[in-house]
Amino acid sequence: VRHLYICDFHKNFIQSVRNKRKRKTSDDGGESPDHDAEVPEVDLFQLQVNTLRRYKRHYKIQTRPGLNKAQLAETVSRHFRNIPVNEKETLTYFIYMVKSSKSRLDQKSDGIKPVE
């Protein structure tokens, strides 16, 4: 068995997510996507307009032309909140990448196709 070190910050973060999930499951009788009150909010309004445009282009989000930064950030935020995420798979992949000291950029230089 190989034991790898997880820093205290990430260890506590993972544990708090697990505890919240347990409380949430026991409180409402099961997991329900309608009760995501504890989901952290990402402030996409802090991003530059060019970054918001690249996000919009990457995900092929349809908008009317000429949106200002606030409107674009709102549209991108709405899309971002609705992206389905497999938490277990994402955390597992994140921990693996941290422990192996790799990043997606390392994968590209190694000739490995990046995970989407």
PDB file of N, CA and C in Angstrom:
ATOM      1  N   VAL A   1       0.851  -1.173   0.000  1.00  0.00           N
ATOM      2  CA  VAL A   1       0.000   0.000   0.000  1.00  0.00           C
ATOM      3  C   VAL A   1       0.892   1.229   0.000  1.00  0.00           C
ATOM      4  N   ARG A   2       0.613   2.120  -0.923  1.00  0.00           N
ATOM      5  CA  ARG A   2       1.384   3.350  -1.019  1.00  0.00           C
ATOM      6  C   ARG A   2       0.586   4.484  -0.395  1.00  0.00           C
ATOM      7  N   HIS A   3       1.172   5.171   0.566  1.00  0.00           N
ATOM      8  CA  HIS A   3       0.507   6.288   1.227  1.00  0.00           C
ATOM      9  C   HIS A   3       1.078   7.586   0.693  1.00  0.00           C
ATOM     10  N   LEU A   4       0.198   8.463   0.287  1.00  0.00           N
ATOM     11  CA  LEU A   4       0.612   9.761  -0.214  1.00  0.00           C
ATOM     12  C   LEU A   4       0.108  10.846   0.722  1.00  0.00           C
ATOM     13  N   TYR A   5       0.878  11.905   0.827  1.00  0.00           N
ATOM     14  CA  TYR A   5       0.561  13.000   1.733  1.00  0.00           C
ATOM     15  C   TYR A   5      -0.429  13.962   1.099  1.00  0.00           C
ATOM     16  N   ILE A   6      -1.441  14.344   1.849  1.00  0.00           N
ATOM     17  CA  ILE A   6      -2.371  15.393   1.439  1.00  0.00           C
ATOM     18  C   ILE A   6      -2.183  16.538   2.428  1.00  0.00           C
ATOM     19  N   CYS A   7      -2.021  17.741   1.899  1.00  0.00           N
ATOM     20  CA  CYS A   7      -1.828  18.881   2.796  1.00  0.00           C
ATOM     21  C   CYS A   7      -3.086  19.077   3.649  1.00  0.00           C
ATOM     22  N   ASP A   8      -2.907  19.691   4.796  1.00  0.00           N
ATOM     23  CA  ASP A   8      -4.006  19.869   5.741  1.00  0.00           C
ATOM     24  C   ASP A   8      -5.164  20.658   5.145  1.00  0.00           C
ATOM     25  N   PHE A   9      -4.860  21.663   4.326  1.00  0.00           N
ATOM     26  CA  PHE A   9      -5.925  22.467   3.724  1.00  0.00           C
ATOM     27  C   PHE A   9      -6.848  21.591   2.891  1.00  0.00           C
ATOM     28  N   HIS A  10      -6.279  20.804   1.975  1.00  0.00           N
ATOM     29  CA  HIS A  10      -7.105  19.981   1.098  1.00  0.00           C
ATOM     30  C   HIS A  10      -7.768  18.828   1.858  1.00  0.00           C
ATOM     31  N   LYS A  11      -7.085  18.306   2.850  1.00  0.00           N
ATOM     32  CA  LYS A  11      -7.668  17.257   3.682  1.00  0.00           C
ATOM     33  C   LYS A  11      -8.912  17.789   4.399  1.00  0.00           C
ATOM     34  N   ASN A  12      -8.807  18.976   4.983  1.00  0.00           N
ATOM     35  CA  ASN A  12      -9.947  19.585   5.676  1.00  0.00           C
ATOM     36  C   ASN A  12     -11.061  19.940   4.706  1.00  0.00           C
ATOM     37  N   PHE A  13     -10.695  20.417   3.518  1.00  0.00           N
ATOM     38  CA  PHE A  13     -11.694  20.763   2.520  1.00  0.00           C
ATOM     39  C   PHE A  13     -12.492  19.531   2.099  1.00  0.00           C
ATOM     40  N   ILE A  14     -11.797  18.456   1.800  1.00  0.00           N
ATOM     41  CA  ILE A  14     -12.467  17.217   1.382  1.00  0.00           C
ATOM     42  C   ILE A  14     -13.360  16.705   2.506  1.00  0.00           C
ATOM     43  N   GLN A  15     -12.867  16.748   3.730  1.00  0.00           N
ATOM     44  CA  GLN A  15     -13.656  16.279   4.870  1.00  0.00           C
ATOM     45  C   GLN A  15     -14.896  17.134   5.071  1.00  0.00           C
ATOM     46  N   SER A  16     -14.773  18.451   4.900  1.00  0.00           N
ATOM     47  CA  SER A  16     -15.941  19.318   5.077  1.00  0.00           C
ATOM     48  C   SER A  16     -16.987  19.051   3.996  1.00  0.00           C
ATOM     49  N   VAL A  17     -16.549  18.775   2.769  1.00  0.00           N
ATOM     50  CA  VAL A  17     -17.489  18.443   1.702  1.00  0.00           C
ATOM     51  C   VAL A  17     -18.216  17.144   2.041  1.00  0.00           C
ATOM     52  N   ARG A  18     -17.495  16.169   2.527  1.00  0.00           N
ATOM     53  CA  ARG A  18     -18.114  14.899   2.914  1.00  0.00           C
ATOM     54  C   ARG A  18     -19.131  15.100   4.037  1.00  0.00           C
ATOM     55  N   ASN A  19     -18.758  15.899   5.040  1.00  0.00           N
ATOM     56  CA  ASN A  19     -19.667  16.137   6.161  1.00  0.00           C
ATOM     57  C   ASN A  19     -20.922  16.874   5.712  1.00  0.00           C
ATOM     58  N   LYS A  20     -20.756  17.870   4.833  1.00  0.00           N
ATOM     59  CA  LYS A  20     -21.914  18.605   4.331  1.00  0.00           C
ATOM     60  C   LYS A  20     -22.827  17.685   3.553  1.00  0.00           C
ATOM     61  N   ARG A  21     -22.237  16.806   2.748  1.00  0.00           N
ATOM     62  CA  ARG A  21     -23.029  15.880   1.956  1.00  0.00           C
ATOM     63  C   ARG A  21     -23.801  14.925   2.875  1.00  0.00           C
ATOM     64  N   LYS A  22     -23.149  14.445   3.939  1.00  0.00           N
ATOM     65  CA  LYS A  22     -23.827  13.546   4.883  1.00  0.00           C
ATOM     66  C   LYS A  22     -24.983  14.263   5.571  1.00  0.00           C
ATOM     67  N   ARG A  23     -24.739  15.499   6.029  1.00  0.00           N
ATOM     68  CA  ARG A  23     -25.798  16.263   6.687  1.00  0.00           C
ATOM     69  C   ARG A  23     -26.947  16.522   5.732  1.00  0.00           C
ATOM     70  N   LYS A  24     -26.622  16.899   4.527  1.00  0.00           N
ATOM     71  CA  LYS A  24     -27.631  17.207   3.514  1.00  0.00           C
ATOM     72  C   LYS A  24     -28.472  15.970   3.223  1.00  0.00           C
ATOM     73  N   THR A  25     -27.829  14.828   3.080  1.00  0.00           N
ATOM     74  CA  THR A  25     -28.531  13.586   2.782  1.00  0.00           C
ATOM     75  C   THR A  25     -29.445  13.190   3.937  1.00  0.00           C
ATOM     76  N   SER A  26     -28.972  13.334   5.161  1.00  0.00           N
ATOM     77  CA  SER A  26     -29.791  12.942   6.306  1.00  0.00           C
ATOM     78  C   SER A  26     -30.906  13.952   6.581  1.00  0.00           C
ATOM     79  N   ASP A  27     -30.697  15.226   6.243  1.00  0.00           N
ATOM     80  CA  ASP A  27     -31.712  16.251   6.488  1.00  0.00           C
ATOM     81  C   ASP A  27     -32.910  16.147   5.562  1.00  0.00           C
ATOM     82  N   ASP A  28     -32.651  15.925   4.259  1.00  0.00           N
ATOM     83  CA  ASP A  28     -33.761  15.955   3.309  1.00  0.00           C
ATOM     84  C   ASP A  28     -34.154  14.578   2.782  1.00  0.00           C
ATOM     85  N   GLY A  29     -33.625  13.539   3.398  1.00  0.00           N
ATOM     86  CA  GLY A  29     -34.017  12.194   3.005  1.00  0.00           C
ATOM     87  C   GLY A  29     -33.349  11.704   1.741  1.00  0.00           C
ATOM     88  N   GLY A  30     -32.364  12.393   1.249  1.00  0.00           N
ATOM     89  CA  GLY A  30     -31.660  11.973   0.049  1.00  0.00           C
ATOM     90  C   GLY A  30     -31.076  13.171  -0.664  1.00  0.00           C
ATOM     91  N   GLU A  31     -30.234  12.890  -1.632  1.00  0.00           N
ATOM     92  CA  GLU A  31     -29.621  13.989  -2.363  1.00  0.00           C
ATOM     93  C   GLU A  31     -30.626  14.567  -3.334  1.00  0.00           C
ATOM     94  N   SER A  32     -30.698  15.859  -3.366  1.00  0.00           N
ATOM     95  CA  SER A  32     -31.634  16.532  -4.244  1.00  0.00           C
ATOM     96  C   SER A  32     -30.949  17.717  -4.887  1.00  0.00           C
ATOM     97  N   PRO A  33     -30.928  17.777  -6.221  1.00  0.00           N
ATOM     98  CA  PRO A  33     -30.251  18.894  -6.872  1.00  0.00           C
ATOM     99  C   PRO A  33     -30.932  20.238  -6.638  1.00  0.00           C
ATOM    100  N   ASP A  34     -32.180  20.228  -6.158  1.00  0.00           N
ATOM    101  CA  ASP A  34     -32.886  21.476  -5.909  1.00  0.00           C
ATOM    102  C   ASP A  34     -32.424  22.173  -4.633  1.00  0.00           C
ATOM    103  N   HIS A  35     -31.650  21.486  -3.791  1.00  0.00           N
ATOM    104  CA  HIS A  35     -31.247  22.040  -2.502  1.00  0.00           C
ATOM    105  C   HIS A  35     -29.741  22.264  -2.455  1.00  0.00           C
ATOM    106  N   ASP A  36     -29.170  22.938  -3.430  1.00  0.00           N
ATOM    107  CA  ASP A  36     -27.744  23.179  -3.489  1.00  0.00           C
ATOM    108  C   ASP A  36     -27.373  24.502  -2.828  1.00  0.00           C
ATOM    109  N   ALA A  37     -27.926  24.780  -1.658  1.00  0.00           N
ATOM    110  CA  ALA A  37     -27.686  26.040  -0.971  1.00  0.00           C
ATOM    111  C   ALA A  37     -26.238  26.175  -0.520  1.00  0.00           C
ATOM    112  N   GLU A  38     -25.537  25.057  -0.327  1.00  0.00           N
ATOM    113  CA  GLU A  38     -24.176  25.109   0.180  1.00  0.00           C
ATOM    114  C   GLU A  38     -23.128  25.109  -0.933  1.00  0.00           C
ATOM    115  N   VAL A  39     -23.538  25.234  -2.172  1.00  0.00           N
ATOM    116  CA  VAL A  39     -22.600  25.268  -3.278  1.00  0.00           C
ATOM    117  C   VAL A  39     -21.915  26.631  -3.276  1.00  0.00           C
ATOM    118  N   PRO A  40     -20.578  26.645  -3.278  1.00  0.00           N
ATOM    119  CA  PRO A  40     -19.892  27.937  -3.255  1.00  0.00           C
ATOM    120  C   PRO A  40     -20.129  28.705  -4.553  1.00  0.00           C
ATOM    121  N   GLU A  41     -20.261  29.996  -4.443  1.00  0.00           N
ATOM    122  CA  GLU A  41     -20.496  30.848  -5.599  1.00  0.00           C
ATOM    123  C   GLU A  41     -19.148  31.298  -6.169  1.00  0.00           C
ATOM    124  N   VAL A  42     -19.000  31.204  -7.470  1.00  0.00           N
ATOM    125  CA  VAL A  42     -17.788  31.663  -8.144  1.00  0.00           C
ATOM    126  C   VAL A  42     -18.100  33.023  -8.760  1.00  0.00           C
ATOM    127  N   ASP A  43     -17.301  34.018  -8.412  1.00  0.00           N
ATOM    128  CA  ASP A  43     -17.545  35.379  -8.886  1.00  0.00           C
ATOM    129  C   ASP A  43     -16.874  35.588 -10.235  1.00  0.00           C
ATOM    130  N   LEU A  44     -17.606  35.290 -11.306  1.00  0.00           N
ATOM    131  CA  LEU A  44     -17.069  35.446 -12.650  1.00  0.00           C
ATOM    132  C   LEU A  44     -17.054  36.903 -13.096  1.00  0.00           C
ATOM    133  N   PHE A  45     -17.636  37.789 -12.309  1.00  0.00           N
ATOM    134  CA  PHE A  45     -17.624  39.217 -12.624  1.00  0.00           C
ATOM    135  C   PHE A  45     -16.216  39.797 -12.470  1.00  0.00           C
ATOM    136  N   GLN A  46     -15.325  39.081 -11.778  1.00  0.00           N
ATOM    137  CA  GLN A  46     -13.947  39.534 -11.594  1.00  0.00           C
ATOM    138  C   GLN A  46     -13.080  39.263 -12.819  1.00  0.00           C
ATOM    139  N   LEU A  47     -13.565  38.414 -13.728  1.00  0.00           N
ATOM    140  CA  LEU A  47     -12.788  38.073 -14.918  1.00  0.00           C
ATOM    141  C   LEU A  47     -12.801  39.205 -15.936  1.00  0.00           C
ATOM    142  N   GLN A  48     -11.788  39.215 -16.786  1.00  0.00           N
ATOM    143  CA  GLN A  48     -11.730  40.204 -17.853  1.00  0.00           C
ATOM    144  C   GLN A  48     -12.724  39.833 -18.948  1.00  0.00           C
ATOM    145  N   VAL A  49     -13.140  40.818 -19.721  1.00  0.00           N
ATOM    146  CA  VAL A  49     -14.110  40.606 -20.792  1.00  0.00           C
ATOM    147  C   VAL A  49     -13.592  39.570 -21.792  1.00  0.00           C
ATOM    148  N   ASN A  50     -12.308  39.635 -22.135  1.00  0.00           N
ATOM    149  CA  ASN A  50     -11.751  38.673 -23.092  1.00  0.00           C
ATOM    150  C   ASN A  50     -11.843  37.243 -22.570  1.00  0.00           C
ATOM    151  N   THR A  51     -11.650  37.059 -21.269  1.00  0.00           N
ATOM    152  CA  THR A  51     -11.755  35.728 -20.672  1.00  0.00           C
ATOM    153  C   THR A  51     -13.198  35.235 -20.739  1.00  0.00           C
ATOM    154  N   LEU A  52     -14.138  36.105 -20.452  1.00  0.00           N
ATOM    155  CA  LEU A  52     -15.556  35.742 -20.543  1.00  0.00           C
ATOM    156  C   LEU A  52     -15.931  35.389 -21.984  1.00  0.00           C
ATOM    157  N   ARG A  53     -15.404  36.121 -22.930  1.00  0.00           N
ATOM    158  CA  ARG A  53     -15.673  35.832 -24.349  1.00  0.00           C
ATOM    159  C   ARG A  53     -15.092  34.483 -24.759  1.00  0.00           C
ATOM    160  N   ARG A  54     -13.880  34.189 -24.272  1.00  0.00           N
ATOM    161  CA  ARG A  54     -13.263  32.888 -24.596  1.00  0.00           C
ATOM    162  C   ARG A  54     -14.089  31.753 -24.014  1.00  0.00           C
ATOM    163  N   TYR A  55     -14.586  31.915 -22.781  1.00  0.00           N
ATOM    164  CA  TYR A  55     -15.451  30.909 -22.156  1.00  0.00           C
ATOM    165  C   TYR A  55     -16.706  30.711 -23.009  1.00  0.00           C
ATOM    166  N   LYS A  56     -17.311  31.829 -23.406  1.00  0.00           N
ATOM    167  CA  LYS A  56     -18.530  31.785 -24.221  1.00  0.00           C
ATOM    168  C   LYS A  56     -18.269  31.062 -25.538  1.00  0.00           C
ATOM    169  N   ARG A  57     -17.166  31.377 -26.164  1.00  0.00           N
ATOM    170  CA  ARG A  57     -16.812  30.748 -27.437  1.00  0.00           C
ATOM    171  C   ARG A  57     -16.510  29.254 -27.247  1.00  0.00           C
ATOM    172  N   HIS A  58     -15.779  28.905 -26.184  1.00  0.00           N
ATOM    173  CA  HIS A  58     -15.421  27.505 -25.926  1.00  0.00           C
ATOM    174  C   HIS A  58     -16.662  26.632 -25.762  1.00  0.00           C
ATOM    175  N   TYR A  59     -17.633  27.127 -24.994  1.00  0.00           N
ATOM    176  CA  TYR A  59     -18.850  26.349 -24.730  1.00  0.00           C
ATOM    177  C   TYR A  59     -19.966  26.631 -25.741  1.00  0.00           C
ATOM    178  N   LYS A  60     -19.662  27.472 -26.736  1.00  0.00           N
ATOM    179  CA  LYS A  60     -20.629  27.788 -27.799  1.00  0.00           C
ATOM    180  C   LYS A  60     -21.958  28.283 -27.233  1.00  0.00           C
ATOM    181  N   ILE A  61     -21.865  29.221 -26.285  1.00  0.00           N
ATOM    182  CA  ILE A  61     -23.047  29.809 -25.661  1.00  0.00           C
ATOM    183  C   ILE A  61     -23.623  30.850 -26.619  1.00  0.00           C
ATOM    184  N   GLN A  62     -24.895  30.724 -26.923  1.00  0.00           N
ATOM    185  CA  GLN A  62     -25.559  31.656 -27.834  1.00  0.00           C
ATOM    186  C   GLN A  62     -26.026  32.889 -27.063  1.00  0.00           C
ATOM    187  N   THR A  63     -25.598  34.060 -27.518  1.00  0.00           N
ATOM    188  CA  THR A  63     -26.041  35.327 -26.924  1.00  0.00           C
ATOM    189  C   THR A  63     -26.278  36.324 -28.050  1.00  0.00           C
ATOM    190  N   ARG A  64     -26.954  37.389 -27.719  1.00  0.00           N
ATOM    191  CA  ARG A  64     -27.116  38.442 -28.718  1.00  0.00           C
ATOM    192  C   ARG A  64     -25.812  39.228 -28.777  1.00  0.00           C
ATOM    193  N   PRO A  65     -25.504  39.817 -29.909  1.00  0.00           N
ATOM    194  CA  PRO A  65     -24.253  40.577 -30.033  1.00  0.00           C
ATOM    195  C   PRO A  65     -24.274  41.856 -29.193  1.00  0.00           C
ATOM    196  N   GLY A  66     -23.090  42.291 -28.801  1.00  0.00           N
ATOM    197  CA  GLY A  66     -22.948  43.576 -28.120  1.00  0.00           C
ATOM    198  C   GLY A  66     -23.245  43.574 -26.635  1.00  0.00           C
ATOM    199  N   LEU A  67     -23.103  42.435 -25.964  1.00  0.00           N
ATOM    200  CA  LEU A  67     -23.333  42.409 -24.517  1.00  0.00           C
ATOM    201  C   LEU A  67     -22.220  43.161 -23.802  1.00  0.00           C
ATOM    202  N   ASN A  68     -22.591  43.891 -22.741  1.00  0.00           N
ATOM    203  CA  ASN A  68     -21.555  44.529 -21.934  1.00  0.00           C
ATOM    204  C   ASN A  68     -20.996  43.500 -20.947  1.00  0.00           C
ATOM    205  N   LYS A  69     -19.986  43.888 -20.185  1.00  0.00           N
ATOM    206  CA  LYS A  69     -19.303  42.939 -19.295  1.00  0.00           C
ATOM    207  C   LYS A  69     -20.259  42.323 -18.279  1.00  0.00           C
ATOM    208  N   ALA A  70     -21.123  43.117 -17.676  1.00  0.00           N
ATOM    209  CA  ALA A  70     -22.049  42.613 -16.657  1.00  0.00           C
ATOM    210  C   ALA A  70     -23.012  41.587 -17.254  1.00  0.00           C
ATOM    211  N   GLN A  71     -23.532  41.876 -18.445  1.00  0.00           N
ATOM    212  CA  GLN A  71     -24.456  40.936 -19.088  1.00  0.00           C
ATOM    213  C   GLN A  71     -23.745  39.648 -19.486  1.00  0.00           C
ATOM    214  N   LEU A  72     -22.538  39.785 -20.006  1.00  0.00           N
ATOM    215  CA  LEU A  72     -21.754  38.623 -20.399  1.00  0.00           C
ATOM    216  C   LEU A  72     -21.397  37.770 -19.180  1.00  0.00           C
ATOM    217  N   ALA A  73     -20.993  38.421 -18.094  1.00  0.00           N
ATOM    218  CA  ALA A  73     -20.654  37.699 -16.860  1.00  0.00           C
ATOM    219  C   ALA A  73     -21.880  36.976 -16.303  1.00  0.00           C
ATOM    220  N   GLU A  74     -23.044  37.596 -16.378  1.00  0.00           N
ATOM    221  CA  GLU A  74     -24.272  36.960 -15.901  1.00  0.00           C
ATOM    222  C   GLU A  74     -24.608  35.728 -16.738  1.00  0.00           C
ATOM    223  N   THR A  75     -24.484  35.839 -18.055  1.00  0.00           N
ATOM    224  CA  THR A  75     -24.760  34.713 -18.948  1.00  0.00           C
ATOM    225  C   THR A  75     -23.791  33.567 -18.690  1.00  0.00           C
ATOM    226  N   VAL A  76     -22.502  33.891 -18.563  1.00  0.00           N
ATOM    227  CA  VAL A  76     -21.482  32.877 -18.304  1.00  0.00           C
ATOM    228  C   VAL A  76     -21.704  32.248 -16.929  1.00  0.00           C
ATOM    229  N   SER A  77     -22.046  33.048 -15.928  1.00  0.00           N
ATOM    230  CA  SER A  77     -22.312  32.525 -14.577  1.00  0.00           C
ATOM    231  C   SER A  77     -23.478  31.548 -14.578  1.00  0.00           C
ATOM    232  N   ARG A  78     -24.534  31.898 -15.294  1.00  0.00           N
ATOM    233  CA  ARG A  78     -25.707  31.022 -15.390  1.00  0.00           C
ATOM    234  C   ARG A  78     -25.308  29.678 -16.010  1.00  0.00           C
ATOM    235  N   HIS A  79     -24.520  29.737 -17.080  1.00  0.00           N
ATOM    236  CA  HIS A  79     -24.053  28.500 -17.728  1.00  0.00           C
ATOM    237  C   HIS A  79     -23.167  27.700 -16.782  1.00  0.00           C
ATOM    238  N   PHE A  80     -22.215  28.387 -16.124  1.00  0.00           N
ATOM    239  CA  PHE A  80     -21.263  27.728 -15.218  1.00  0.00           C
ATOM    240  C   PHE A  80     -21.983  26.998 -14.086  1.00  0.00           C
ATOM    241  N   ARG A  81     -23.018  27.623 -13.527  1.00  0.00           N
ATOM    242  CA  ARG A  81     -23.773  27.003 -12.425  1.00  0.00           C
ATOM    243  C   ARG A  81     -24.515  25.751 -12.866  1.00  0.00           C
ATOM    244  N   ASN A  82     -24.836  25.647 -14.146  1.00  0.00           N
ATOM    245  CA  ASN A  82     -25.639  24.532 -14.636  1.00  0.00           C
ATOM    246  C   ASN A  82     -24.828  23.405 -15.256  1.00  0.00           C
ATOM    247  N   ILE A  83     -23.507  23.496 -15.217  1.00  0.00           N
ATOM    248  CA  ILE A  83     -22.678  22.416 -15.752  1.00  0.00           C
ATOM    249  C   ILE A  83     -22.710  21.251 -14.757  1.00  0.00           C
ATOM    250  N   PRO A  84     -23.099  20.054 -15.219  1.00  0.00           N
ATOM    251  CA  PRO A  84     -23.095  18.901 -14.306  1.00  0.00           C
ATOM    252  C   PRO A  84     -21.663  18.476 -13.990  1.00  0.00           C
ATOM    253  N   VAL A  85     -21.407  18.177 -12.720  1.00  0.00           N
ATOM    254  CA  VAL A  85     -20.072  17.792 -12.287  1.00  0.00           C
ATOM    255  C   VAL A  85     -20.166  16.513 -11.464  1.00  0.00           C
ATOM    256  N   ASN A  86     -19.346  15.541 -11.820  1.00  0.00           N
ATOM    257  CA  ASN A  86     -19.226  14.324 -11.026  1.00  0.00           C
ATOM    258  C   ASN A  86     -18.176  14.623  -9.952  1.00  0.00           C
ATOM    259  N   GLU A  87     -18.636  14.963  -8.741  1.00  0.00           N
ATOM    260  CA  GLU A  87     -17.732  15.423  -7.686  1.00  0.00           C
ATOM    261  C   GLU A  87     -16.677  14.385  -7.325  1.00  0.00           C
ATOM    262  N   LYS A  88     -17.086  13.140  -7.208  1.00  0.00           N
ATOM    263  CA  LYS A  88     -16.142  12.096  -6.802  1.00  0.00           C
ATOM    264  C   LYS A  88     -15.033  11.946  -7.844  1.00  0.00           C
ATOM    265  N   GLU A  89     -15.409  11.911  -9.101  1.00  0.00           N
ATOM    266  CA  GLU A  89     -14.427  11.778 -10.180  1.00  0.00           C
ATOM    267  C   GLU A  89     -13.514  12.998 -10.245  1.00  0.00           C
ATOM    268  N   THR A  90     -14.080  14.178 -10.091  1.00  0.00           N
ATOM    269  CA  THR A  90     -13.304  15.411 -10.160  1.00  0.00           C
ATOM    270  C   THR A  90     -12.310  15.498  -9.013  1.00  0.00           C
ATOM    271  N   LEU A  91     -12.761  15.208  -7.796  1.00  0.00           N
ATOM    272  CA  LEU A  91     -11.852  15.246  -6.639  1.00  0.00           C
ATOM    273  C   LEU A  91     -10.763  14.190  -6.756  1.00  0.00           C
ATOM    274  N   THR A  92     -11.132  13.006  -7.214  1.00  0.00           N
ATOM    275  CA  THR A  92     -10.149  11.940  -7.381  1.00  0.00           C
ATOM    276  C   THR A  92      -9.081  12.351  -8.377  1.00  0.00           C
ATOM    277  N   TYR A  93      -9.503  12.913  -9.501  1.00  0.00           N
ATOM    278  CA  TYR A  93      -8.565  13.363 -10.530  1.00  0.00           C
ATOM    279  C   TYR A  93      -7.687  14.495  -9.995  1.00  0.00           C
ATOM    280  N   PHE A  94      -8.289  15.446  -9.283  1.00  0.00           N
ATOM    281  CA  PHE A  94      -7.535  16.564  -8.713  1.00  0.00           C
ATOM    282  C   PHE A  94      -6.461  16.062  -7.746  1.00  0.00           C
ATOM    283  N   ILE A  95      -6.836  15.179  -6.840  1.00  0.00           N
ATOM    284  CA  ILE A  95      -5.880  14.656  -5.861  1.00  0.00           C
ATOM    285  C   ILE A  95      -4.762  13.890  -6.557  1.00  0.00           C
ATOM    286  N   TYR A  96      -5.129  13.088  -7.556  1.00  0.00           N
ATOM    287  CA  TYR A  96      -4.121  12.350  -8.317  1.00  0.00           C
ATOM    288  C   TYR A  96      -3.122  13.317  -8.957  1.00  0.00           C
ATOM    289  N   MET A  97      -3.638  14.375  -9.592  1.00  0.00           N
ATOM    290  CA  MET A  97      -2.761  15.319 -10.279  1.00  0.00           C
ATOM    291  C   MET A  97      -1.870  16.074  -9.285  1.00  0.00           C
ATOM    292  N   VAL A  98      -2.416  16.424  -8.125  1.00  0.00           N
ATOM    293  CA  VAL A  98      -1.617  17.121  -7.112  1.00  0.00           C
ATOM    294  C   VAL A  98      -0.523  16.196  -6.581  1.00  0.00           C
ATOM    295  N   LYS A  99      -0.887  14.970  -6.277  1.00  0.00           N
ATOM    296  CA  LYS A  99       0.082  14.035  -5.705  1.00  0.00           C
ATOM    297  C   LYS A  99       1.149  13.625  -6.710  1.00  0.00           C
ATOM    298  N   SER A 100       0.787  13.556  -7.971  1.00  0.00           N
ATOM    299  CA  SER A 100       1.762  13.160  -8.981  1.00  0.00           C
ATOM    300  C   SER A 100       2.512  14.376  -9.535  1.00  0.00           C
ATOM    301  N   SER A 101       2.218  15.550  -8.976  1.00  0.00           N
ATOM    302  CA  SER A 101       2.860  16.810  -9.376  1.00  0.00           C
ATOM    303  C   SER A 101       2.738  17.058 -10.869  1.00  0.00           C
ATOM    304  N   LYS A 102       1.580  16.742 -11.413  1.00  0.00           N
ATOM    305  CA  LYS A 102       1.341  16.962 -12.839  1.00  0.00           C
ATOM    306  C   LYS A 102       0.228  17.983 -13.005  1.00  0.00           C
ATOM    307  N   SER A 103       0.147  18.500 -14.202  1.00  0.00           N
ATOM    308  CA  SER A 103      -0.954  19.374 -14.565  1.00  0.00           C
ATOM    309  C   SER A 103      -1.386  19.005 -15.971  1.00  0.00           C
ATOM    310  N   ARG A 104      -2.477  19.575 -16.436  1.00  0.00           N
ATOM    311  CA  ARG A 104      -2.934  19.293 -17.798  1.00  0.00           C
ATOM    312  C   ARG A 104      -1.890  19.761 -18.800  1.00  0.00           C
ATOM    313  N   LEU A 105      -1.140  20.791 -18.451  1.00  0.00           N
ATOM    314  CA  LEU A 105      -0.101  21.266 -19.358  1.00  0.00           C
ATOM    315  C   LEU A 105       1.003  20.230 -19.502  1.00  0.00           C
ATOM    316  N   ASP A 106       1.326  19.520 -18.405  1.00  0.00           N
ATOM    317  CA  ASP A 106       2.319  18.447 -18.471  1.00  0.00           C
ATOM    318  C   ASP A 106       1.848  17.347 -19.411  1.00  0.00           C
ATOM    319  N   GLN A 107       0.566  17.050 -19.366  1.00  0.00           N
ATOM    320  CA  GLN A 107       0.027  15.984 -20.208  1.00  0.00           C
ATOM    321  C   GLN A 107       0.210  16.321 -21.681  1.00  0.00           C
ATOM    322  N   LYS A 108      -0.038  17.574 -22.054  1.00  0.00           N
ATOM    323  CA  LYS A 108       0.100  17.963 -23.460  1.00  0.00           C
ATOM    324  C   LYS A 108       1.533  17.786 -23.929  1.00  0.00           C
ATOM    325  N   SER A 109       2.492  18.134 -23.088  1.00  0.00           N
ATOM    326  CA  SER A 109       3.888  18.009 -23.508  1.00  0.00           C
ATOM    327  C   SER A 109       4.344  16.555 -23.548  1.00  0.00           C
ATOM    328  N   ASP A 110       3.660  15.674 -22.807  1.00  0.00           N
ATOM    329  CA  ASP A 110       3.994  14.256 -22.827  1.00  0.00           C
ATOM    330  C   ASP A 110       3.346  13.529 -23.993  1.00  0.00           C
ATOM    331  N   GLY A 111       2.540  14.221 -24.759  1.00  0.00           N
ATOM    332  CA  GLY A 111       1.865  13.598 -25.894  1.00  0.00           C
ATOM    333  C   GLY A 111       0.609  12.851 -25.520  1.00  0.00           C
ATOM    334  N   ILE A 112       0.130  13.022 -24.287  1.00  0.00           N
ATOM    335  CA  ILE A 112      -1.087  12.368 -23.830  1.00  0.00           C
ATOM    336  C   ILE A 112      -2.249  13.298 -24.087  1.00  0.00           C
ATOM    337  N   LYS A 113      -3.347  12.758 -24.581  1.00  0.00           N
ATOM    338  CA  LYS A 113      -4.525  13.571 -24.841  1.00  0.00           C
ATOM    339  C   LYS A 113      -5.091  14.068 -23.514  1.00  0.00           C
ATOM    340  N   PRO A 114      -5.350  15.380 -23.371  1.00  0.00           N
ATOM    341  CA  PRO A 114      -5.895  15.914 -22.117  1.00  0.00           C
ATOM    342  C   PRO A 114      -7.315  15.426 -21.876  1.00  0.00           C
ATOM    343  N   VAL A 115      -7.645  15.284 -20.598  1.00  0.00           N
ATOM    344  CA  VAL A 115      -8.992  14.862 -20.195  1.00  0.00           C
ATOM    345  C   VAL A 115      -9.918  16.062 -20.288  1.00  0.00           C
ATOM    346  N   GLU A 116     -11.051  15.907 -20.925  1.00  0.00           N
ATOM    347  CA  GLU A 116     -12.018  17.003 -21.067  1.00  0.00           C
ATOM    348  C   GLU A 116     -13.081  16.897 -20.005  1.00  0.00           C
TER     349      GLU A 116
END
